[in-house]
Amino acid sequence: MAKDKALSEVFNLRARLRFDTAHGNIWLDESRMMLLHTRAFGALRKELFDSLGVERARGLLVRMGFVAGQQDGELAKKLAGDRPLGEIFLLGPEIHGLEGIVKTRTIQCDLDFENGNFYGEFTLENSWEAESHLQIFGTGEDHACWSVIGYASGYVTAFMNRLIVFRETACHAAGATLCSMIGKNAEEWDEDYLRYFHPENIAEQMIELQQQVTQLRETLGTARGADNLVGDSPAFKSAFSLLQRAALSPINVLLLGETGVGKERFARWLHDNGPRADKPFIAVNCAAIPHDLIESELFGVTKGAYTGAEQSRPGRFERAHGGTLFLDEVGDLAPAAQVKLLRVLQTGEVERLGDDHARKVDVRLVSATNVNLQQAIGTGKFRADLYYRLATYPVTIPPLRERPTDLPLLVASFIEKFSALYPKKVLGVTERAMQMLSQYAWPGNIRELENVIERGVLLVPPGGRIEASHLFAEQQQFEQEGEGIDQAGNLPERSAAREQVLCEELLGPEFNLIAHENALVDLAVKKANGNLSQAARLLGITRRQLAYKFNRSGD
């Protein structure tokens, strides 16, 4: 690593800062940022002191800074890659400077990762918090850089994996020339000072307890989801309200909705919250069973009824006696099976294939489909009399795209589920990843979201956040929207910063320049529909150069 270069230059930190004015976003890597007037933040700070009192306001500012420091600590560790953490530790002060908070200089920094010990002394120049405090309150006896020390505490805590606490020892707002602070292990501070950090500790304990409960449930084999429909959107509440009203009655329910919306989960909830909860719940996917076998599967078979029927066995209706039978994709039932199903609904009796003996069954029927059954009736594919039996109480489950406010709840629920399954501690998703999830159309609905989050949990490092690149298998490269800034802090006409990030992502241990060049040439020719002159313009080279490279790539 170059000794004469700042860490922010070595790791090209500016390339991670992008201004996406087209969508109103500023991004620092995967974290959404914002430009805020220091005067406005200072006014908010004053309101906190006036409304809550000095002690509570200080605590809020410390904990706010702590969260910001933790997030930047995650970014720094991500940039470190396989390097020792000590090499990149001091990137934190440079990130803080890039964000316009303060200029930090290191006086002493002792890192002992093996034993978890830390001691550091730093000076602070141009602290926005000290300047704002001076403008509003004037010079006083109290130190002012509470969010700054909170940031430092959160950043170092993220590296050391134990609580490290900073304290300001001198402040420009109290008359000092420079602000300064020292940081060390939390147990080396008195409890009176540590109270500013207590709510954060309680939050961590709650997270740990929640994870322990989840893991215990998984260990005991508790079925998750049967009583856990997740949602708070108006569309979800409307469907769930209908479901609740039907739970205690024996009425036949028809669940309607696109594939993957969670029809079986709704059916399970209906069963588990009704009077048949202690009886069997039998689910059948009618589309997954061949037409010549569906009758024997649903209604049972008698020994010798057909070739291969070597013993009698009950069908799904008999197995569900006293409980609930869930027929998924009921619109795919063969005509003969539709006739028999109608008879069962009319008489409450089933006849096994090859038997003329009727057996009484007491079954609550819940069916589901993602096709328009009324259209199927019009084309002769579905019986009208059966439809009216099944659709006594239809409930339409909304697609995920109509439930945007439910997305964070569902994401959190699936992260909790798969964190316990693997097991792995996952802190959540980055803001960039959540925005990508929110913008996606979700043709596969809840099922697709569950698969995407499972992939993310599998790929994210332990203790990290799921990033955009962890989510979708089809997109290995993610477009970084907006413009970056150059060394002077200016927005260039073309985003050289973005190009630098792309180069860094390509330049791995197995990078092959010729192979990548050939791939670019082939892609340009394909985009130009075989027009070599146009392809050359796309690549910024001459036609002769392109022709040579194109011929080489075809060899």
Protein backbone atom coordinates (compact mmCIF):
# COMPACT_ATOMS: atom_id res chain seq x y z
CA MET A 1 0.00 0.00 0.00
CA ALA A 2 1.39 3.39 -0.98
CA LYS A 3 2.68 5.23 2.08
CA ASP A 4 2.38 8.71 0.57
CA LYS A 5 -1.26 8.33 -0.39
CA ALA A 6 -4.28 8.93 1.80
CA LEU A 7 -6.35 5.83 2.44
CA SER A 8 -9.31 7.49 0.73
CA GLU A 9 -7.22 7.67 -2.45
CA VAL A 10 -5.82 4.15 -2.13
CA PHE A 11 -9.32 2.73 -1.84
CA ASN A 12 -10.81 5.31 -4.23
CA LEU A 13 -13.39 6.41 -1.67
CA ARG A 14 -14.69 9.23 -3.88
CA ALA A 15 -15.74 6.67 -6.48
CA ARG A 16 -18.22 5.35 -3.92
CA LEU A 17 -19.94 8.75 -3.66
CA ARG A 18 -22.53 9.30 -6.38
CA PHE A 19 -25.06 12.03 -7.06
CA ASP A 20 -28.17 10.69 -8.77
CA THR A 21 -30.11 13.89 -9.38
CA ALA A 22 -32.48 12.11 -11.77
CA HIS A 23 -33.98 10.20 -8.84
CA GLY A 24 -33.14 12.57 -5.97
CA ASN A 25 -30.56 10.28 -4.39
CA ILE A 26 -27.03 10.64 -3.04
CA TRP A 27 -25.21 7.37 -2.39
CA LEU A 28 -22.08 6.54 -0.43
CA ASP A 29 -21.58 2.97 -1.57
CA GLU A 30 -24.89 1.30 -0.55
CA SER A 31 -25.94 3.91 2.03
CA ARG A 32 -28.25 6.73 1.06
CA MET A 33 -26.92 10.10 2.16
CA MET A 34 -28.26 13.65 2.12
CA LEU A 35 -26.87 17.15 1.92
CA LEU A 36 -28.22 19.11 4.87
CA HIS A 37 -27.61 22.71 5.84
CA THR A 38 -25.59 22.82 9.06
CA ARG A 39 -27.76 25.73 10.16
CA ALA A 40 -30.85 23.53 9.84
CA PHE A 41 -29.18 20.71 11.77
CA GLY A 42 -28.03 23.23 14.35
CA ALA A 43 -31.62 24.44 14.77
CA LEU A 44 -32.76 20.86 15.32
CA ARG A 45 -29.96 20.38 17.82
CA LYS A 46 -31.09 23.48 19.73
CA GLU A 47 -34.68 22.19 19.76
CA LEU A 48 -33.46 18.95 21.30
CA PHE A 49 -31.64 20.79 24.08
CA ASP A 50 -34.59 23.12 24.71
CA SER A 51 -37.26 20.40 24.62
CA LEU A 52 -35.52 17.44 26.23
CA GLY A 53 -32.89 19.03 28.41
CA VAL A 54 -29.12 18.81 28.10
CA GLU A 55 -28.64 15.24 29.32
CA ARG A 56 -31.27 13.57 27.15
CA ALA A 57 -30.30 15.63 24.11
CA ARG A 58 -26.65 14.61 24.51
CA GLY A 59 -27.66 10.97 24.69
CA LEU A 60 -29.69 11.23 21.49
CA LEU A 61 -26.84 12.94 19.63
CA VAL A 62 -24.31 10.37 20.84
CA ARG A 63 -26.48 7.45 19.77
CA MET A 64 -27.29 9.04 16.41
CA GLY A 65 -23.57 9.45 15.74
CA PHE A 66 -22.95 5.91 16.97
CA VAL A 67 -25.26 4.46 14.29
CA ALA A 68 -23.55 6.51 11.57
CA GLY A 69 -20.14 5.35 12.76
CA GLN A 70 -21.20 1.71 12.72
CA GLN A 71 -22.45 2.04 9.16
CA ASP A 72 -19.20 3.60 7.95
CA GLY A 73 -17.30 0.93 9.87
CA GLU A 74 -19.11 -1.69 7.81
CA LEU A 75 -18.11 0.16 4.62
CA ALA A 76 -14.46 0.31 5.68
CA LYS A 77 -14.38 -3.41 6.51
CA LYS A 78 -15.97 -4.17 3.15
CA LEU A 79 -13.25 -2.18 1.36
CA ALA A 80 -10.57 -4.00 3.34
CA GLY A 81 -11.39 -7.27 1.61
CA ASP A 82 -8.71 -9.80 2.59
CA ARG A 83 -6.35 -7.16 4.00
CA PRO A 84 -5.69 -6.98 7.74
CA LEU A 85 -8.22 -4.65 9.37
CA GLY A 86 -5.41 -2.60 10.86
CA GLU A 87 -4.41 -1.42 7.38
CA ILE A 88 -7.76 0.22 6.73
CA PHE A 89 -8.81 1.23 10.25
CA LEU A 90 -7.86 4.89 9.80
CA LEU A 91 -10.10 5.19 6.75
CA GLY A 92 -12.88 6.11 9.20
CA PRO A 93 -11.58 9.63 9.91
CA GLU A 94 -11.25 10.19 6.15
CA ILE A 95 -14.83 9.04 5.54
CA HIS A 96 -15.97 11.43 8.27
CA GLY A 97 -14.09 14.22 6.53
CA LEU A 98 -15.59 13.33 3.15
CA GLU A 99 -19.02 13.63 4.76
CA GLY A 100 -18.17 17.17 5.88
CA ILE A 101 -18.38 16.49 9.61
CA VAL A 102 -14.85 17.07 10.89
CA LYS A 103 -11.15 16.79 10.04
CA THR A 104 -9.59 14.18 12.35
CA ARG A 105 -5.86 13.81 13.03
CA THR A 106 -4.38 10.82 14.81
CA ILE A 107 -2.13 11.45 17.82
CA GLN A 108 -1.99 7.88 19.12
CA CYS A 109 -3.81 4.72 18.04
CA ASP A 110 -3.20 1.34 19.71
CA LEU A 111 -5.16 -1.55 18.21
CA ASP A 112 -5.13 -5.02 19.77
CA PHE A 113 -7.63 -7.05 17.74
CA GLU A 114 -6.57 -10.33 19.31
CA ASN A 115 -7.48 -9.28 22.85
CA GLY A 116 -10.11 -6.71 21.91
CA ASN A 117 -8.32 -3.72 23.44
CA PHE A 118 -8.21 -0.19 22.06
CA TYR A 119 -6.74 3.15 23.03
CA GLY A 120 -6.67 6.23 20.81
CA GLU A 121 -6.09 9.98 20.98
CA PHE A 122 -7.26 12.30 18.20
CA THR A 123 -7.64 16.01 17.48
CA LEU A 124 -10.66 17.43 15.68
CA GLU A 125 -10.49 20.39 13.30
CA ASN A 126 -13.43 22.25 11.75
CA SER A 127 -16.03 20.29 13.70
CA TRP A 128 -19.40 21.39 12.36
CA GLU A 129 -20.94 20.61 15.75
CA ALA A 130 -18.56 22.87 17.67
CA GLU A 131 -19.04 25.69 15.15
CA SER A 132 -22.83 25.35 15.27
CA HIS A 133 -22.83 25.32 19.07
CA LEU A 134 -20.74 28.49 19.14
CA GLN A 135 -23.09 30.26 16.71
CA ILE A 136 -26.21 29.39 18.70
CA PHE A 137 -25.07 29.26 22.34
CA GLY A 138 -21.74 31.08 22.32
CA THR A 139 -18.62 29.98 24.22
CA GLY A 140 -19.46 28.01 27.35
CA GLU A 141 -18.05 25.48 29.77
CA ASP A 142 -19.53 22.37 28.18
CA HIS A 143 -18.10 20.32 25.35
CA ALA A 144 -20.26 20.19 22.23
CA CYS A 145 -19.11 17.43 19.83
CA TRP A 146 -21.51 14.74 21.02
CA SER A 147 -22.48 13.25 17.66
CA VAL A 148 -18.80 13.28 16.63
CA ILE A 149 -17.71 11.20 19.63
CA GLY A 150 -20.73 8.98 19.06
CA TYR A 151 -19.54 8.42 15.49
CA ALA A 152 -16.02 7.54 16.62
CA SER A 153 -17.42 5.14 19.22
CA GLY A 154 -19.66 3.40 16.68
CA TYR A 155 -16.90 3.17 14.07
CA VAL A 156 -14.32 1.60 16.37
CA THR A 157 -16.96 -0.67 17.94
CA ALA A 158 -17.71 -2.04 14.46
CA PHE A 159 -14.01 -2.94 14.08
CA MET A 160 -13.33 -4.30 17.56
CA ASN A 161 -16.64 -6.19 17.94
CA ARG A 162 -16.96 -4.85 21.46
CA LEU A 163 -18.14 -1.51 22.82
CA ILE A 164 -15.48 1.19 22.51
CA VAL A 165 -16.35 4.62 23.92
CA PHE A 166 -14.88 8.03 23.12
CA ARG A 167 -14.94 11.14 25.25
CA GLU A 168 -14.12 14.70 24.30
CA THR A 169 -11.26 16.12 26.38
CA ALA A 170 -11.19 19.63 24.89
CA CYS A 171 -13.65 21.54 22.71
CA HIS A 172 -13.47 24.65 20.57
CA ALA A 173 -16.97 25.51 21.81
CA ALA A 174 -15.54 25.68 25.35
CA GLY A 175 -12.67 27.96 24.36
CA ALA A 176 -10.00 25.45 23.26
CA THR A 177 -8.04 26.03 20.07
CA LEU A 178 -8.81 22.51 18.88
CA CYS A 179 -11.25 19.83 19.88
CA SER A 180 -9.71 16.55 21.04
CA MET A 181 -10.96 13.16 22.18
CA ILE A 182 -9.73 9.87 23.55
CA GLY A 183 -11.26 6.43 23.11
CA LYS A 184 -10.89 3.20 25.07
CA ASN A 185 -12.78 0.09 26.11
CA ALA A 186 -16.17 0.83 27.66
CA GLU A 187 -15.32 -0.80 30.99
CA GLU A 188 -12.58 1.77 31.54
CA TRP A 189 -15.14 4.59 31.74
CA ASP A 190 -17.37 5.37 34.70
CA GLU A 191 -20.99 4.27 34.55
CA ASP A 192 -22.23 7.85 34.81
CA TYR A 193 -20.70 8.63 31.41
CA LEU A 194 -21.71 5.33 29.83
CA ARG A 195 -25.40 6.09 30.39
CA TYR A 196 -25.34 8.06 27.12
CA PHE A 197 -24.75 4.73 25.35
CA HIS A 198 -27.14 2.54 27.34
CA PRO A 199 -30.13 2.53 24.94
CA GLU A 200 -27.84 1.24 22.18
CA ASN A 201 -26.68 -1.59 24.43
CA ILE A 202 -30.28 -2.51 25.26
CA ALA A 203 -31.11 -2.60 21.56
CA GLU A 204 -28.20 -4.98 20.95
CA GLN A 205 -29.37 -7.23 23.77
CA MET A 206 -32.88 -7.29 22.33
CA ILE A 207 -31.50 -8.30 18.92
CA GLU A 208 -29.49 -11.11 20.50
CA LEU A 209 -32.48 -12.32 22.52
CA GLN A 210 -34.70 -12.24 19.44
CA GLN A 211 -32.18 -14.33 17.52
CA GLN A 212 -31.90 -16.81 20.40
CA VAL A 213 -35.69 -17.23 20.48
CA THR A 214 -35.76 -17.74 16.70
CA GLN A 215 -32.99 -20.35 16.87
CA LEU A 216 -34.78 -22.12 19.72
CA ARG A 217 -37.98 -22.26 17.69
CA GLU A 218 -36.09 -23.76 14.77
CA THR A 219 -34.42 -26.30 17.08
CA LEU A 220 -37.75 -27.38 18.52
CA GLY A 221 -39.19 -27.71 15.04
CA THR A 222 -41.83 -25.06 15.52
CA ALA A 223 -43.61 -24.42 12.22
CA ARG A 224 -42.99 -20.84 11.23
CA GLY A 225 -45.48 -18.99 9.13
CA ALA A 226 -48.60 -21.05 9.92
CA ASP A 227 -49.70 -18.35 12.29
CA ASN A 228 -47.56 -15.59 10.92
CA LEU A 229 -49.04 -13.80 7.93
CA VAL A 230 -46.96 -10.65 7.54
CA GLY A 231 -48.44 -7.40 6.30
CA ASP A 232 -49.83 -4.02 7.26
CA SER A 233 -50.83 -2.50 3.91
CA PRO A 234 -54.49 -1.65 3.17
CA ALA A 235 -54.62 -4.32 0.43
CA PHE A 236 -53.31 -7.00 2.80
CA LYS A 237 -55.59 -5.91 5.65
CA SER A 238 -58.64 -6.10 3.39
CA ALA A 239 -57.87 -9.69 2.36
CA PHE A 240 -56.92 -10.72 5.88
CA SER A 241 -60.12 -9.24 7.31
CA LEU A 242 -62.17 -11.50 5.01
CA LEU A 243 -60.05 -14.46 6.07
CA GLN A 244 -60.60 -13.75 9.76
CA ARG A 245 -64.38 -13.66 9.33
CA ALA A 246 -64.35 -17.09 7.70
CA ALA A 247 -61.99 -18.77 10.18
CA LEU A 248 -64.56 -20.01 12.70
CA SER A 249 -67.15 -21.17 10.15
CA PRO A 250 -67.20 -24.31 7.94
CA ILE A 251 -67.75 -22.29 4.75
CA ASN A 252 -65.84 -23.30 1.60
CA VAL A 253 -63.21 -20.67 0.76
CA LEU A 254 -61.74 -19.97 -2.68
CA LEU A 255 -58.39 -18.15 -2.56
CA LEU A 256 -57.65 -16.14 -5.69
CA GLY A 257 -54.40 -14.49 -6.69
CA GLU A 258 -51.30 -14.62 -8.83
CA THR A 259 -48.71 -17.33 -8.44
CA GLY A 260 -46.52 -16.89 -5.37
CA VAL A 261 -48.81 -14.55 -3.39
CA GLY A 262 -49.01 -16.98 -0.48
CA LYS A 263 -52.29 -18.82 -1.01
CA GLU A 264 -51.17 -21.89 0.93
CA ARG A 265 -50.06 -19.71 3.86
CA PHE A 266 -53.50 -18.11 3.91
CA ALA A 267 -55.08 -21.57 3.83
CA ARG A 268 -52.88 -22.76 6.71
CA TRP A 269 -53.78 -19.68 8.75
CA LEU A 270 -57.46 -20.37 8.12
CA HIS A 271 -57.02 -23.95 9.37
CA ASP A 272 -54.85 -23.10 12.38
CA ASN A 273 -57.22 -20.39 13.60
CA GLY A 274 -60.43 -22.36 13.24
CA PRO A 275 -62.15 -25.14 15.22
CA ARG A 276 -60.29 -27.83 13.19
CA ALA A 277 -56.81 -26.65 14.18
CA ASP A 278 -55.96 -29.91 15.99
CA LYS A 279 -57.02 -32.02 12.99
CA PRO A 280 -55.10 -32.75 9.75
CA PHE A 281 -54.28 -30.11 7.17
CA ILE A 282 -53.75 -31.83 3.81
CA ALA A 283 -52.48 -29.83 0.83
CA VAL A 284 -52.72 -31.03 -2.78
CA ASN A 285 -51.32 -29.28 -5.85
CA CYS A 286 -53.72 -30.41 -8.56
CA ALA A 287 -51.39 -29.22 -11.33
CA ALA A 288 -48.52 -31.37 -10.06
CA ILE A 289 -50.40 -34.69 -10.29
CA PRO A 290 -50.93 -36.39 -13.69
CA HIS A 291 -54.56 -36.43 -14.83
CA ASP A 292 -54.69 -40.24 -14.81
CA LEU A 293 -53.64 -40.32 -11.14
CA ILE A 294 -55.53 -37.34 -9.69
CA GLU A 295 -58.71 -39.32 -8.95
CA SER A 296 -56.89 -42.02 -7.00
CA GLU A 297 -54.91 -39.35 -5.12
CA LEU A 298 -58.01 -37.39 -4.10
CA PHE A 299 -60.56 -40.15 -3.55
CA GLY A 300 -58.45 -43.25 -2.85
CA VAL A 301 -58.12 -46.59 -4.60
CA THR A 302 -59.16 -50.19 -3.99
CA LYS A 303 -56.73 -53.07 -4.49
CA GLY A 304 -56.88 -54.32 -8.07
CA ALA A 305 -58.73 -51.27 -9.38
CA TYR A 306 -56.08 -50.92 -12.07
CA THR A 307 -52.73 -52.41 -13.00
CA GLY A 308 -50.26 -51.59 -10.26
CA ALA A 309 -52.90 -51.04 -7.55
CA GLU A 310 -51.53 -53.77 -5.28
CA GLN A 311 -53.20 -52.52 -2.11
CA SER A 312 -56.08 -50.33 -1.06
CA ARG A 313 -55.25 -46.88 0.23
CA PRO A 314 -57.24 -43.83 1.28
CA GLY A 315 -57.25 -40.64 -0.75
CA ARG A 316 -56.57 -37.11 0.42
CA PHE A 317 -60.23 -36.56 1.38
CA GLU A 318 -60.17 -39.48 3.81
CA ARG A 319 -56.80 -38.45 5.21
CA ALA A 320 -58.16 -34.95 5.84
CA HIS A 321 -61.24 -36.27 7.70
CA GLY A 322 -62.15 -33.87 10.50
CA GLY A 323 -59.68 -31.29 9.22
CA THR A 324 -58.99 -29.18 6.16
CA LEU A 325 -58.24 -30.16 2.56
CA PHE A 326 -56.44 -27.50 0.53
CA LEU A 327 -56.73 -27.92 -3.25
CA ASP A 328 -54.19 -25.66 -4.91
CA GLU A 329 -54.41 -24.95 -8.67
CA VAL A 330 -57.95 -26.36 -8.67
CA GLY A 331 -58.51 -24.90 -12.13
CA ASP A 332 -56.21 -27.60 -13.56
CA LEU A 333 -58.45 -30.50 -12.49
CA ALA A 334 -59.40 -32.92 -15.28
CA PRO A 335 -63.13 -33.03 -16.23
CA ALA A 336 -63.65 -36.49 -14.68
CA ALA A 337 -62.09 -35.35 -11.40
CA GLN A 338 -64.30 -32.25 -11.42
CA VAL A 339 -67.42 -34.44 -11.61
CA LYS A 340 -66.30 -36.58 -8.66
CA LEU A 341 -65.29 -33.52 -6.62
CA LEU A 342 -68.72 -31.99 -7.20
CA ARG A 343 -70.37 -35.20 -5.99
CA VAL A 344 -68.29 -35.21 -2.80
CA LEU A 345 -69.26 -31.62 -2.09
CA GLN A 346 -72.94 -32.44 -2.66
CA THR A 347 -73.12 -35.66 -0.64
CA GLY A 348 -70.21 -35.49 1.82
CA GLU A 349 -69.19 -38.99 0.68
CA VAL A 350 -66.27 -40.39 -1.32
CA GLU A 351 -65.97 -43.58 -3.32
CA ARG A 352 -62.52 -45.03 -3.83
CA LEU A 353 -61.51 -45.89 -7.37
CA GLY A 354 -62.73 -49.43 -8.10
CA ASP A 355 -65.12 -49.51 -5.12
CA ASP A 356 -68.87 -48.90 -4.91
CA HIS A 357 -68.85 -48.36 -1.14
CA ALA A 358 -69.39 -44.73 -0.11
CA ARG A 359 -67.49 -43.39 2.89
CA LYS A 360 -68.61 -40.36 4.87
CA VAL A 361 -66.04 -37.58 5.16
CA ASP A 362 -66.11 -34.42 7.23
CA VAL A 363 -63.74 -32.04 5.50
CA ARG A 364 -63.47 -28.30 5.24
CA LEU A 365 -62.49 -27.49 1.66
CA VAL A 366 -60.23 -24.57 0.82
CA SER A 367 -59.30 -24.23 -2.84
CA ALA A 368 -57.05 -21.85 -4.72
CA THR A 369 -56.25 -20.86 -8.28
CA ASN A 370 -54.30 -18.27 -10.23
CA VAL A 371 -56.50 -18.58 -13.34
CA ASN A 372 -59.81 -16.91 -14.12
CA LEU A 373 -62.31 -19.70 -13.47
CA GLN A 374 -65.19 -17.78 -15.02
CA GLN A 375 -63.25 -17.58 -18.28
CA ALA A 376 -62.49 -21.30 -17.96
CA ILE A 377 -66.24 -21.91 -17.62
CA GLY A 378 -66.82 -19.95 -20.83
CA THR A 379 -64.34 -22.12 -22.73
CA GLY A 380 -65.73 -25.35 -21.29
CA LYS A 381 -62.62 -26.17 -19.24
CA PHE A 382 -64.32 -25.83 -15.85
CA ARG A 383 -67.77 -26.79 -14.62
CA ALA A 384 -70.03 -23.91 -13.62
CA ASP A 385 -71.83 -25.97 -10.93
CA LEU A 386 -68.49 -26.88 -9.33
CA TYR A 387 -67.35 -23.26 -9.43
CA TYR A 388 -70.39 -22.08 -7.49
CA ARG A 389 -69.75 -24.78 -4.87
CA LEU A 390 -66.11 -23.77 -4.46
CA ALA A 391 -66.59 -20.00 -4.67
CA THR A 392 -69.04 -19.65 -1.80
CA TYR A 393 -66.57 -17.30 -0.12
CA PRO A 394 -63.88 -15.95 -2.48
CA VAL A 395 -60.87 -14.09 -1.04
CA THR A 396 -58.50 -12.30 -3.41
CA ILE A 397 -54.90 -12.07 -2.17
CA PRO A 398 -53.18 -8.96 -3.57
CA PRO A 399 -49.88 -9.25 -5.48
CA LEU A 400 -46.75 -7.93 -3.82
CA ARG A 401 -46.54 -4.92 -6.17
CA GLU A 402 -49.82 -3.68 -4.61
CA ARG A 403 -48.34 -4.02 -1.10
CA PRO A 404 -45.26 -1.73 -1.21
CA THR A 405 -45.44 -0.83 2.47
CA ASP A 406 -45.31 -4.53 3.40
CA LEU A 407 -41.95 -5.06 1.69
CA PRO A 408 -39.73 -4.02 4.67
CA LEU A 409 -41.80 -6.22 7.01
CA LEU A 410 -41.53 -9.22 4.71
CA VAL A 411 -37.81 -8.68 4.17
CA ALA A 412 -37.21 -8.55 7.93
CA SER A 413 -39.31 -11.67 8.44
CA PHE A 414 -37.40 -13.67 5.82
CA ILE A 415 -34.03 -12.47 7.11
CA GLU A 416 -35.01 -13.67 10.59
CA LYS A 417 -36.08 -17.03 9.17
CA PHE A 418 -32.98 -17.70 7.08
CA SER A 419 -30.55 -16.25 9.63
CA ALA A 420 -31.69 -18.98 12.00
CA LEU A 421 -31.65 -21.63 9.29
CA TYR A 422 -28.04 -21.21 8.15
CA PRO A 423 -27.21 -19.91 10.97
CA LYS A 424 -25.79 -16.45 10.46
CA LYS A 425 -26.19 -13.02 12.04
CA VAL A 426 -27.46 -10.57 9.41
CA LEU A 427 -28.01 -6.92 10.33
CA GLY A 428 -30.56 -6.27 7.57
CA VAL A 429 -30.30 -4.83 4.06
CA THR A 430 -28.54 -1.71 2.84
CA GLU A 431 -30.60 1.27 1.74
CA ARG A 432 -29.50 0.72 -1.86
CA ALA A 433 -30.63 -2.91 -1.70
CA MET A 434 -33.98 -1.93 -0.19
CA GLN A 435 -34.52 0.65 -2.93
CA MET A 436 -33.77 -2.00 -5.56
CA LEU A 437 -36.25 -4.37 -3.91
CA SER A 438 -38.86 -1.60 -3.84
CA GLN A 439 -38.42 -0.80 -7.54
CA TYR A 440 -38.65 -4.42 -8.71
CA ALA A 441 -42.01 -5.61 -10.12
CA TRP A 442 -41.99 -9.03 -8.35
CA PRO A 443 -43.73 -11.22 -10.95
CA GLY A 444 -43.16 -14.18 -8.61
CA ASN A 445 -44.57 -12.26 -5.62
CA ILE A 446 -43.87 -13.44 -2.04
CA ARG A 447 -42.28 -16.72 -3.15
CA GLU A 448 -39.79 -14.88 -5.35
CA LEU A 449 -38.98 -12.40 -2.57
CA GLU A 450 -38.37 -15.27 -0.16
CA ASN A 451 -35.95 -16.89 -2.62
CA VAL A 452 -34.13 -13.60 -3.20
CA ILE A 453 -33.68 -12.96 0.53
CA GLU A 454 -32.50 -16.53 1.10
CA ARG A 455 -29.84 -15.97 -1.57
CA GLY A 456 -28.87 -12.69 0.09
CA VAL A 457 -28.52 -14.27 3.54
CA LEU A 458 -26.37 -17.02 2.04
CA LEU A 459 -24.01 -14.56 0.30
CA VAL A 460 -23.69 -11.81 2.92
CA PRO A 461 -20.70 -12.07 5.29
CA PRO A 462 -21.62 -12.83 8.95
CA GLY A 463 -22.53 -9.64 10.79
CA GLY A 464 -23.05 -7.70 7.55
CA ARG A 465 -25.94 -6.23 5.60
CA ILE A 466 -27.36 -7.67 2.40
CA GLU A 467 -26.23 -5.51 -0.53
CA ALA A 468 -27.72 -5.03 -3.98
CA SER A 469 -25.15 -7.36 -5.53
CA HIS A 470 -26.29 -10.20 -3.25
CA LEU A 471 -29.88 -10.19 -4.42
CA PHE A 472 -30.52 -11.19 -8.03
CA ALA A 473 -28.63 -14.03 -9.69
CA GLU A 474 -29.35 -12.70 -13.19
CA GLN A 475 -27.64 -9.34 -12.54
CA GLN A 476 -23.97 -9.73 -11.69
CA GLN A 477 -23.13 -6.08 -12.43
CA PHE A 478 -25.30 -3.38 -10.93
CA GLU A 479 -25.60 -0.01 -12.55
CA GLN A 480 -24.34 2.70 -10.23
CA GLU A 481 -26.63 5.60 -10.98
CA GLY A 482 -25.48 9.19 -10.84
CA GLU A 483 -22.18 11.04 -11.09
CA GLY A 484 -19.15 10.70 -8.87
CA ILE A 485 -16.74 13.44 -7.83
CA ASP A 486 -13.12 13.93 -8.83
CA GLN A 487 -10.08 14.58 -6.64
CA ALA A 488 -10.97 18.27 -6.36
CA GLY A 489 -14.52 17.47 -5.28
CA ASN A 490 -16.07 18.48 -8.61
CA LEU A 491 -18.72 16.61 -10.58
CA PRO A 492 -17.09 15.63 -13.91
CA GLU A 493 -18.97 15.64 -17.19
CA ARG A 494 -18.43 11.88 -17.47
CA SER A 495 -18.29 9.72 -14.40
CA ALA A 496 -14.65 8.70 -14.29
CA ALA A 497 -15.32 7.62 -10.72
CA ARG A 498 -17.91 5.12 -11.89
CA GLU A 499 -15.49 3.78 -14.50
CA GLN A 500 -12.88 3.36 -11.79
CA VAL A 501 -15.29 1.28 -9.67
CA LEU A 502 -16.06 -0.95 -12.66
CA CYS A 503 -12.34 -1.47 -13.26
CA GLU A 504 -11.79 -2.36 -9.60
CA GLU A 505 -14.63 -4.89 -9.74
CA LEU A 506 -13.14 -6.52 -12.86
CA LEU A 507 -9.56 -6.62 -11.63
CA GLY A 508 -9.63 -9.84 -9.64
CA PRO A 509 -7.13 -12.70 -9.25
CA GLU A 510 -8.44 -14.48 -12.38
CA PHE A 511 -8.80 -11.40 -14.57
CA ASN A 512 -8.05 -12.04 -18.28
CA LEU A 513 -7.60 -8.83 -20.29
CA ILE A 514 -7.84 -10.50 -23.72
CA ALA A 515 -10.99 -12.42 -22.78
CA HIS A 516 -12.71 -9.29 -21.46
CA GLU A 517 -11.65 -7.26 -24.48
CA ASN A 518 -13.04 -9.94 -26.81
CA ALA A 519 -16.29 -9.98 -24.85
CA LEU A 520 -16.63 -6.18 -25.17
CA VAL A 521 -15.96 -6.34 -28.90
CA ASP A 522 -18.53 -9.09 -29.40
CA LEU A 523 -21.11 -7.18 -27.35
CA ALA A 524 -20.54 -3.96 -29.33
CA VAL A 525 -20.94 -5.79 -32.66
CA LYS A 526 -24.10 -7.43 -31.38
CA LYS A 527 -25.55 -4.09 -30.20
CA ALA A 528 -24.71 -2.59 -33.61
CA ASN A 529 -26.49 -5.47 -35.38
CA GLY A 530 -23.27 -6.46 -37.12
CA ASN A 531 -22.39 -2.96 -38.33
CA LEU A 532 -18.64 -2.76 -37.62
CA SER A 533 -18.44 1.00 -38.13
CA GLN A 534 -21.19 1.61 -35.59
CA ALA A 535 -19.64 -0.90 -33.19
CA ALA A 536 -16.30 0.89 -33.50
CA ARG A 537 -17.96 4.19 -32.57
CA LEU A 538 -19.48 2.55 -29.49
CA LEU A 539 -16.00 1.48 -28.38
CA GLY A 540 -14.25 4.72 -29.36
CA ILE A 541 -11.81 3.03 -31.77
CA THR A 542 -11.36 2.92 -35.55
CA ARG A 543 -13.13 0.44 -37.78
CA ARG A 544 -9.79 -1.14 -38.73
CA GLN A 545 -8.90 -1.66 -35.06
CA LEU A 546 -12.32 -3.17 -34.40
CA ALA A 547 -12.10 -5.49 -37.42
CA TYR A 548 -8.73 -6.79 -36.20
CA LYS A 549 -10.00 -7.40 -32.67
CA PHE A 550 -13.26 -8.93 -33.92
CA ASN A 551 -11.44 -11.37 -36.19
CA ARG A 552 -9.10 -12.25 -33.33
CA SER A 553 -12.02 -12.95 -30.98
CA GLY A 554 -13.51 -15.33 -33.53
CA ASP A 555 -10.33 -17.39 -33.85
